[in-house]
């Protein structure tokens, strides 16, 4: 595995990707929820995905930067 492959698959990169997806979904929920009448099921699915992303981000952050000594 070369350096490029390592960087593309690093936990730090995954964390950035998750944060970007969460921010995009958050903006979409805000925009769509106030402008276009959307069915409740779709809105709930987006909100559930947003919560899943937030939880995944938090787990990954704890893995990368543990607060307690190992």
PDB file of N, CA and C in Angstrom:
ATOM      1  N   UNK A   1       0.857  -1.175   0.000  1.00  0.00           N
ATOM      2  CA  UNK A   1       0.000   0.000   0.000  1.00  0.00           C
ATOM      3  C   UNK A   1       0.899   1.233   0.000  1.00  0.00           C
ATOM      4  N   UNK A   2       0.662   2.144  -0.920  1.00  0.00           N
ATOM      5  CA  UNK A   2       1.490   3.335  -0.986  1.00  0.00           C
ATOM      6  C   UNK A   2       0.895   4.461  -0.145  1.00  0.00           C
ATOM      7  N   UNK A   3       1.610   5.569  -0.054  1.00  0.00           N
ATOM      8  CA  UNK A   3       1.192   6.711   0.778  1.00  0.00           C
ATOM      9  C   UNK A   3      -0.152   7.265   0.332  1.00  0.00           C
ATOM     10  N   UNK A   4      -0.367   7.364  -0.960  1.00  0.00           N
ATOM     11  CA  UNK A   4      -1.637   7.900  -1.468  1.00  0.00           C
ATOM     12  C   UNK A   4      -2.812   7.045  -1.012  1.00  0.00           C
ATOM     13  N   UNK A   5      -2.684   5.743  -1.116  1.00  0.00           N
ATOM     14  CA  UNK A   5      -3.757   4.848  -0.686  1.00  0.00           C
ATOM     15  C   UNK A   5      -3.992   4.957   0.814  1.00  0.00           C
ATOM     16  N   UNK A   6      -2.929   5.112   1.581  1.00  0.00           N
ATOM     17  CA  UNK A   6      -3.054   5.255   3.030  1.00  0.00           C
ATOM     18  C   UNK A   6      -3.827   6.522   3.364  1.00  0.00           C
ATOM     19  N   UNK A   7      -3.501   7.632   2.710  1.00  0.00           N
ATOM     20  CA  UNK A   7      -4.185   8.897   2.971  1.00  0.00           C
ATOM     21  C   UNK A   7      -5.648   8.850   2.562  1.00  0.00           C
ATOM     22  N   UNK A   8      -5.962   8.176   1.464  1.00  0.00           N
ATOM     23  CA  UNK A   8      -7.345   8.093   0.998  1.00  0.00           C
ATOM     24  C   UNK A   8      -8.212   7.251   1.926  1.00  0.00           C
ATOM     25  N   UNK A   9      -7.600   6.331   2.638  1.00  0.00           N
ATOM     26  CA  UNK A   9      -8.351   5.443   3.515  1.00  0.00           C
ATOM     27  C   UNK A   9      -8.126   5.747   4.993  1.00  0.00           C
ATOM     28  N   UNK A  10      -7.560   6.898   5.313  1.00  0.00           N
ATOM     29  CA  UNK A  10      -7.250   7.211   6.700  1.00  0.00           C
ATOM     30  C   UNK A  10      -8.510   7.559   7.485  1.00  0.00           C
ATOM     31  N   UNK A  11      -8.496   7.299   8.776  1.00  0.00           N
ATOM     32  CA  UNK A  11      -9.634   7.670   9.619  1.00  0.00           C
ATOM     33  C   UNK A  11      -9.889   9.184   9.615  1.00  0.00           C
ATOM     34  N   UNK A  12      -8.828   9.968   9.509  1.00  0.00           N
ATOM     35  CA  UNK A  12      -8.994  11.423   9.465  1.00  0.00           C
ATOM     36  C   UNK A  12      -9.760  11.849   8.219  1.00  0.00           C
ATOM     37  N   UNK A  13      -9.447  11.231   7.099  1.00  0.00           N
ATOM     38  CA  UNK A  13     -10.162  11.548   5.856  1.00  0.00           C
ATOM     39  C   UNK A  13     -11.629  11.121   5.966  1.00  0.00           C
ATOM     40  N   UNK A  14     -11.871   9.962   6.538  1.00  0.00           N
ATOM     41  CA  UNK A  14     -13.243   9.482   6.713  1.00  0.00           C
ATOM     42  C   UNK A  14     -14.028  10.441   7.608  1.00  0.00           C
ATOM     43  N   UNK A  15     -13.379  10.961   8.640  1.00  0.00           N
ATOM     44  CA  UNK A  15     -14.022  11.913   9.532  1.00  0.00           C
ATOM     45  C   UNK A  15     -14.420  13.183   8.774  1.00  0.00           C
ATOM     46  N   UNK A  16     -13.538  13.671   7.931  1.00  0.00           N
ATOM     47  CA  UNK A  16     -13.846  14.855   7.118  1.00  0.00           C
ATOM     48  C   UNK A  16     -15.021  14.570   6.197  1.00  0.00           C
ATOM     49  N   UNK A  17     -15.022  13.407   5.559  1.00  0.00           N
ATOM     50  CA  UNK A  17     -16.122  13.041   4.658  1.00  0.00           C
ATOM     51  C   UNK A  17     -17.453  12.969   5.400  1.00  0.00           C
ATOM     52  N   UNK A  18     -17.437  12.374   6.590  1.00  0.00           N
ATOM     53  CA  UNK A  18     -18.660  12.267   7.387  1.00  0.00           C
ATOM     54  C   UNK A  18     -19.163  13.648   7.804  1.00  0.00           C
ATOM     55  N   UNK A  19     -18.255  14.511   8.213  1.00  0.00           N
ATOM     56  CA  UNK A  19     -18.650  15.873   8.604  1.00  0.00           C
ATOM     57  C   UNK A  19     -19.256  16.626   7.424  1.00  0.00           C
ATOM     58  N   UNK A  20     -18.686  16.453   6.250  1.00  0.00           N
ATOM     59  CA  UNK A  20     -19.219  17.113   5.054  1.00  0.00           C
ATOM     60  C   UNK A  20     -20.608  16.585   4.720  1.00  0.00           C
ATOM     61  N   UNK A  21     -20.781  15.268   4.779  1.00  0.00           N
ATOM     62  CA  UNK A  21     -22.089  14.687   4.487  1.00  0.00           C
ATOM     63  C   UNK A  21     -23.127  15.163   5.508  1.00  0.00           C
ATOM     64  N   UNK A  22     -22.729  15.233   6.776  1.00  0.00           N
ATOM     65  CA  UNK A  22     -23.643  15.701   7.822  1.00  0.00           C
ATOM     66  C   UNK A  22     -24.044  17.152   7.569  1.00  0.00           C
ATOM     67  N   UNK A  23     -23.080  17.997   7.238  1.00  0.00           N
ATOM     68  CA  UNK A  23     -23.377  19.408   6.971  1.00  0.00           C
ATOM     69  C   UNK A  23     -24.285  19.562   5.752  1.00  0.00           C
ATOM     70  N   UNK A  24     -24.025  18.793   4.713  1.00  0.00           N
ATOM     71  CA  UNK A  24     -24.865  18.843   3.512  1.00  0.00           C
ATOM     72  C   UNK A  24     -26.296  18.410   3.824  1.00  0.00           C
ATOM     73  N   UNK A  25     -26.432  17.341   4.577  1.00  0.00           N
ATOM     74  CA  UNK A  25     -27.751  16.837   4.938  1.00  0.00           C
ATOM     75  C   UNK A  25     -28.481  17.818   5.846  1.00  0.00           C
ATOM     76  N   UNK A  26     -27.758  18.420   6.768  1.00  0.00           N
ATOM     77  CA  UNK A  26     -28.339  19.414   7.659  1.00  0.00           C
ATOM     78  C   UNK A  26     -28.882  20.604   6.861  1.00  0.00           C
ATOM     79  N   UNK A  27     -28.093  21.083   5.916  1.00  0.00           N
ATOM     80  CA  UNK A  27     -28.533  22.202   5.076  1.00  0.00           C
ATOM     81  C   UNK A  27     -29.741  21.808   4.224  1.00  0.00           C
ATOM     82  N   UNK A  28     -29.728  20.601   3.697  1.00  0.00           N
ATOM     83  CA  UNK A  28     -30.845  20.124   2.879  1.00  0.00           C
ATOM     84  C   UNK A  28     -32.129  20.042   3.699  1.00  0.00           C
ATOM     85  N   UNK A  29     -32.031  19.519   4.899  1.00  0.00           N
ATOM     86  CA  UNK A  29     -33.206  19.413   5.764  1.00  0.00           C
ATOM     87  C   UNK A  29     -33.770  20.791   6.062  1.00  0.00           C
ATOM     88  N   UNK A  30     -32.900  21.741   6.380  1.00  0.00           N
ATOM     89  CA  UNK A  30     -33.353  23.104   6.655  1.00  0.00           C
ATOM     90  C   UNK A  30     -34.014  23.731   5.439  1.00  0.00           C
ATOM     91  N   UNK A  31     -33.380  23.574   4.291  1.00  0.00           N
ATOM     92  CA  UNK A  31     -33.868  24.197   3.059  1.00  0.00           C
ATOM     93  C   UNK A  31     -35.177  23.559   2.594  1.00  0.00           C
ATOM     94  N   UNK A  32     -35.208  22.259   2.545  1.00  0.00           N
ATOM     95  CA  UNK A  32     -36.378  21.543   2.029  1.00  0.00           C
ATOM     96  C   UNK A  32     -37.549  21.640   3.004  1.00  0.00           C
ATOM     97  N   UNK A  33     -37.245  21.562   4.283  1.00  0.00           N
ATOM     98  CA  UNK A  33     -38.308  21.603   5.272  1.00  0.00           C
ATOM     99  C   UNK A  33     -39.064  22.920   5.297  1.00  0.00           C
ATOM    100  N   UNK A  34     -38.414  23.999   4.903  1.00  0.00           N
ATOM    101  CA  UNK A  34     -39.067  25.304   4.955  1.00  0.00           C
ATOM    102  C   UNK A  34     -39.636  25.746   3.607  1.00  0.00           C
ATOM    103  N   UNK A  35     -39.200  25.152   2.527  1.00  0.00           N
ATOM    104  CA  UNK A  35     -39.603  25.624   1.204  1.00  0.00           C
ATOM    105  C   UNK A  35     -40.618  24.697   0.530  1.00  0.00           C
ATOM    106  N   UNK A  36     -40.267  23.443   0.441  1.00  0.00           N
ATOM    107  CA  UNK A  36     -41.071  22.493  -0.320  1.00  0.00           C
ATOM    108  C   UNK A  36     -41.842  21.595   0.635  1.00  0.00           C
ATOM    109  N   UNK A  37     -43.130  21.448   0.437  1.00  0.00           N
ATOM    110  CA  UNK A  37     -43.842  20.482   1.264  1.00  0.00           C
ATOM    111  C   UNK A  37     -43.320  19.073   0.961  1.00  0.00           C
ATOM    112  N   UNK A  38     -42.762  18.443   1.956  1.00  0.00           N
ATOM    113  CA  UNK A  38     -42.143  17.133   1.782  1.00  0.00           C
ATOM    114  C   UNK A  38     -42.912  16.134   2.633  1.00  0.00           C
ATOM    115  N   UNK A  39     -43.014  14.939   2.140  1.00  0.00           N
ATOM    116  CA  UNK A  39     -43.734  13.960   2.943  1.00  0.00           C
ATOM    117  C   UNK A  39     -42.949  13.679   4.228  1.00  0.00           C
ATOM    118  N   UNK A  40     -43.690  13.430   5.264  1.00  0.00           N
ATOM    119  CA  UNK A  40     -43.115  13.256   6.601  1.00  0.00           C
ATOM    120  C   UNK A  40     -42.125  12.092   6.664  1.00  0.00           C
ATOM    121  N   UNK A  41     -42.388  11.029   5.931  1.00  0.00           N
ATOM    122  CA  UNK A  41     -41.503   9.875   5.940  1.00  0.00           C
ATOM    123  C   UNK A  41     -40.114  10.228   5.405  1.00  0.00           C
ATOM    124  N   UNK A  42     -40.061  10.953   4.307  1.00  0.00           N
ATOM    125  CA  UNK A  42     -38.764  11.353   3.737  1.00  0.00           C
ATOM    126  C   UNK A  42     -38.000  12.248   4.697  1.00  0.00           C
ATOM    127  N   UNK A  43     -38.692  13.175   5.313  1.00  0.00           N
ATOM    128  CA  UNK A  43     -38.051  14.085   6.252  1.00  0.00           C
ATOM    129  C   UNK A  43     -37.521  13.303   7.462  1.00  0.00           C
ATOM    130  N   UNK A  44     -38.298  12.359   7.973  1.00  0.00           N
ATOM    131  CA  UNK A  44     -37.842  11.539   9.101  1.00  0.00           C
ATOM    132  C   UNK A  44     -36.632  10.701   8.722  1.00  0.00           C
ATOM    133  N   UNK A  45     -36.610  10.172   7.510  1.00  0.00           N
ATOM    134  CA  UNK A  45     -35.456   9.381   7.057  1.00  0.00           C
ATOM    135  C   UNK A  45     -34.197  10.240   6.987  1.00  0.00           C
ATOM    136  N   UNK A  46     -34.331  11.449   6.478  1.00  0.00           N
ATOM    137  CA  UNK A  46     -33.170  12.344   6.405  1.00  0.00           C
ATOM    138  C   UNK A  46     -32.669  12.695   7.807  1.00  0.00           C
ATOM    139  N   UNK A  47     -33.582  12.957   8.704  1.00  0.00           N
ATOM    140  CA  UNK A  47     -33.191  13.294  10.075  1.00  0.00           C
ATOM    141  C   UNK A  47     -32.540  12.096  10.776  1.00  0.00           C
ATOM    142  N   UNK A  48     -33.056  10.907  10.509  1.00  0.00           N
ATOM    143  CA  UNK A  48     -32.463   9.699  11.088  1.00  0.00           C
ATOM    144  C   UNK A  48     -31.054   9.497  10.557  1.00  0.00           C
ATOM    145  N   UNK A  49     -30.859   9.702   9.262  1.00  0.00           N
ATOM    146  CA  UNK A  49     -29.527   9.571   8.671  1.00  0.00           C
ATOM    147  C   UNK A  49     -28.576  10.603   9.266  1.00  0.00           C
ATOM    148  N   UNK A  50     -29.077  11.817   9.487  1.00  0.00           N
ATOM    149  CA  UNK A  50     -28.257  12.879  10.079  1.00  0.00           C
ATOM    150  C   UNK A  50     -27.808  12.465  11.486  1.00  0.00           C
ATOM    151  N   UNK A  51     -28.700  11.885  12.278  1.00  0.00           N
ATOM    152  CA  UNK A  51     -28.334  11.422  13.616  1.00  0.00           C
ATOM    153  C   UNK A  51     -27.324  10.275  13.556  1.00  0.00           C
ATOM    154  N   UNK A  52     -27.508   9.369  12.604  1.00  0.00           N
ATOM    155  CA  UNK A  52     -26.553   8.272  12.439  1.00  0.00           C
ATOM    156  C   UNK A  52     -25.169   8.816  12.099  1.00  0.00           C
ATOM    157  N   UNK A  53     -25.118   9.815  11.231  1.00  0.00           N
ATOM    158  CA  UNK A  53     -23.843  10.430  10.869  1.00  0.00           C
ATOM    159  C   UNK A  53     -23.191  11.077  12.083  1.00  0.00           C
ATOM    160  N   UNK A  54     -23.992  11.803  12.864  1.00  0.00           N
ATOM    161  CA  UNK A  54     -23.457  12.469  14.047  1.00  0.00           C
ATOM    162  C   UNK A  54     -22.873  11.449  15.020  1.00  0.00           C
ATOM    163  N   UNK A  55     -23.580  10.347  15.228  1.00  0.00           N
ATOM    164  CA  UNK A  55     -23.079   9.307  16.121  1.00  0.00           C
ATOM    165  C   UNK A  55     -21.789   8.682  15.592  1.00  0.00           C
ATOM    166  N   UNK A  56     -21.751   8.438  14.308  1.00  0.00           N
ATOM    167  CA  UNK A  56     -20.545   7.860  13.688  1.00  0.00           C
ATOM    168  C   UNK A  56     -19.369   8.830  13.829  1.00  0.00           C
ATOM    169  N   UNK A  57     -19.617  10.104  13.614  1.00  0.00           N
ATOM    170  CA  UNK A  57     -18.570  11.121  13.762  1.00  0.00           C
ATOM    171  C   UNK A  57     -18.045  11.125  15.190  1.00  0.00           C
ATOM    172  N   UNK A  58     -18.930  11.097  16.158  1.00  0.00           N
ATOM    173  CA  UNK A  58     -18.516  11.113  17.559  1.00  0.00           C
ATOM    174  C   UNK A  58     -17.689   9.882  17.915  1.00  0.00           C
ATOM    175  N   UNK A  59     -18.096   8.717  17.435  1.00  0.00           N
ATOM    176  CA  UNK A  59     -17.326   7.498  17.701  1.00  0.00           C
ATOM    177  C   UNK A  59     -15.936   7.587  17.086  1.00  0.00           C
ATOM    178  N   UNK A  60     -15.867   8.064  15.865  1.00  0.00           N
ATOM    179  CA  UNK A  60     -14.583   8.184  15.181  1.00  0.00           C
ATOM    180  C   UNK A  60     -13.689   9.211  15.870  1.00  0.00           C
ATOM    181  N   UNK A  61     -14.266  10.312  16.322  1.00  0.00           N
ATOM    182  CA  UNK A  61     -13.489  11.324  17.044  1.00  0.00           C
ATOM    183  C   UNK A  61     -12.923  10.754  18.343  1.00  0.00           C
ATOM    184  N   UNK A  62     -13.718   9.969  19.061  1.00  0.00           N
ATOM    185  CA  UNK A  62     -13.225   9.351  20.303  1.00  0.00           C
ATOM    186  C   UNK A  62     -12.099   8.367  20.009  1.00  0.00           C
ATOM    187  N   UNK A  63     -12.182   7.683  18.900  1.00  0.00           N
ATOM    188  CA  UNK A  63     -11.135   6.737  18.525  1.00  0.00           C
ATOM    189  C   UNK A  63      -9.842   7.464  18.183  1.00  0.00           C
ATOM    190  N   UNK A  64      -9.963   8.572  17.482  1.00  0.00           N
ATOM    191  CA  UNK A  64      -8.779   9.315  17.042  1.00  0.00           C
ATOM    192  C   UNK A  64      -8.167  10.155  18.160  1.00  0.00           C
ATOM    193  N   UNK A  65      -9.001  10.622  19.103  1.00  0.00           N
ATOM    194  CA  UNK A  65      -8.516  11.493  20.158  1.00  0.00           C
ATOM    195  C   UNK A  65      -9.136  11.092  21.493  1.00  0.00           C
ATOM    196  N   UNK A  66      -8.682   9.975  22.048  1.00  0.00           N
ATOM    197  CA  UNK A  66      -9.271   9.534  23.304  1.00  0.00           C
ATOM    198  C   UNK A  66      -8.943  10.526  24.429  1.00  0.00           C
ATOM    199  N   UNK A  67      -9.925  10.802  25.275  1.00  0.00           N
ATOM    200  CA  UNK A  67      -9.738  11.770  26.356  1.00  0.00           C
ATOM    201  C   UNK A  67      -9.034  11.170  27.559  1.00  0.00           C
ATOM    202  N   UNK A  68      -9.184   9.878  27.764  1.00  0.00           N
ATOM    203  CA  UNK A  68      -8.566   9.200  28.897  1.00  0.00           C
ATOM    204  C   UNK A  68      -7.331   8.440  28.439  1.00  0.00           C
ATOM    205  N   UNK A  69      -6.316   8.382  29.312  1.00  0.00           N
ATOM    206  CA  UNK A  69      -5.126   7.600  28.935  1.00  0.00           C
ATOM    207  C   UNK A  69      -5.473   6.116  28.779  1.00  0.00           C
ATOM    208  N   UNK A  70      -4.846   5.496  27.811  1.00  0.00           N
ATOM    209  CA  UNK A  70      -5.136   4.082  27.525  1.00  0.00           C
ATOM    210  C   UNK A  70      -4.485   3.167  28.526  1.00  0.00           C
TER     211      UNK A  70
END
